[in-house]
C-alpha cells in the first residue's frame, strides 16, 4: 500500500499511513523485525541500519503488510511521484 506516513511509533509498535487516494488513515502493527528500506534519491538512500525512528511524517512510503491482522512486514521510503 502506497501513501503518506502520518506517524511511526517504535515504542508502541504502530505506524499510520494515509493511502494514496483515500481520505482515512490506516494503522498497522509493527513487529521488531520489520524490514526497513529506502529507494534511491530519498533521504535514507544508501544507509545501513535504518530504524523506524528515521522515518518522518509526510514522507511517501510503501507498506507491505499481512492482510489478516494488518501487521506491517516491510516499510520502504519512496520518491514522491508527481
Protein backbone atom coordinates (compact mmCIF):
# COMPACT_ATOMS: atom_id res chain seq x y z
CA UNK A 1 0.00 0.00 0.00
CA UNK A 2 1.44 3.35 -1.05
CA UNK A 3 0.74 6.59 0.78
CA UNK A 4 1.98 9.31 3.10
CA UNK A 5 3.33 8.41 6.52
CA UNK A 6 1.36 10.05 9.32
CA UNK A 7 3.18 8.57 12.31
CA UNK A 8 5.59 5.79 13.25
CA UNK A 9 5.93 4.89 16.92
CA UNK A 10 8.62 2.35 17.71
CA UNK A 11 7.74 2.20 21.41
CA UNK A 12 4.06 1.50 20.70
CA UNK A 13 4.82 -0.76 17.73
CA UNK A 14 2.49 1.08 15.36
CA UNK A 15 2.53 3.15 12.21
CA UNK A 16 -0.19 5.13 10.46
CA UNK A 17 -0.45 5.83 6.76
CA UNK A 18 -2.81 7.86 4.59
CA UNK A 19 -3.14 5.69 1.47
CA UNK A 20 -2.97 7.34 -1.96
CA UNK A 21 -6.46 8.45 -2.96
CA UNK A 22 -8.02 7.75 0.45
CA UNK A 23 -9.42 10.16 3.00
CA UNK A 24 -8.97 7.93 6.05
CA UNK A 25 -5.73 6.82 7.66
CA UNK A 26 -4.86 3.14 8.14
CA UNK A 27 -2.97 1.89 11.20
CA UNK A 28 -0.62 -1.09 11.22
CA UNK A 29 1.08 -3.12 13.92
CA UNK A 30 4.86 -3.18 13.64
CA UNK A 31 6.99 -6.09 14.77
CA UNK A 32 10.60 -5.57 15.89
CA UNK A 33 11.91 -7.48 12.85
CA UNK A 34 10.16 -5.30 10.21
CA UNK A 35 12.22 -4.81 7.03
CA UNK A 36 13.09 -1.13 6.52
CA UNK A 37 14.48 0.23 3.26
CA UNK A 38 14.65 3.27 1.01
CA UNK A 39 14.63 3.90 -2.73
CA UNK A 40 17.46 5.75 -4.43
CA UNK A 41 17.23 9.56 -4.30
CA UNK A 42 15.49 9.61 -0.90
CA UNK A 43 16.71 10.95 2.44
CA UNK A 44 17.58 7.44 3.68
CA UNK A 45 19.04 6.05 0.45
CA UNK A 46 22.22 4.03 0.89
CA UNK A 47 22.03 3.98 4.68
CA UNK A 48 22.56 0.76 6.56
CA UNK A 49 20.77 0.04 9.80
CA UNK A 50 17.72 2.18 9.10
CA UNK A 51 15.43 2.44 12.15
CA UNK A 52 11.71 3.09 12.27
CA UNK A 53 12.50 6.38 14.03
CA UNK A 54 14.38 7.54 10.89
CA UNK A 55 11.08 7.80 9.01
CA UNK A 56 9.29 11.15 9.33
CA UNK A 57 5.64 12.15 8.97
CA UNK A 58 4.85 13.44 5.49
CA UNK A 59 7.24 11.10 3.70
CA UNK A 60 5.98 8.97 0.82
CA UNK A 61 6.21 5.30 1.73
CA UNK A 62 5.12 1.83 0.71
CA UNK A 63 3.92 -0.61 3.36
CA UNK A 64 3.80 -4.34 2.72
CA UNK A 65 1.53 -5.99 5.27
CA UNK A 66 -0.33 -9.13 6.27
CA UNK A 67 -3.99 -8.54 5.46
CA UNK A 68 -5.16 -10.98 8.12
CA UNK A 69 -4.02 -8.80 11.04
CA UNK A 70 -2.71 -5.55 9.47
CA UNK A 71 0.85 -6.24 10.59
CA UNK A 72 3.46 -4.36 8.56
CA UNK A 73 6.27 -6.62 7.35
CA UNK A 74 8.13 -4.00 5.27
CA UNK A 75 8.29 -0.21 5.19
CA UNK A 76 10.01 1.40 2.23
CA UNK A 77 10.72 5.12 1.74
CA UNK A 78 9.75 6.12 -1.79
CA UNK A 79 10.48 9.03 -4.07
CA UNK A 80 7.29 11.15 -4.23
CA UNK A 81 5.52 10.76 -7.55
CA UNK A 82 4.31 13.89 -9.35
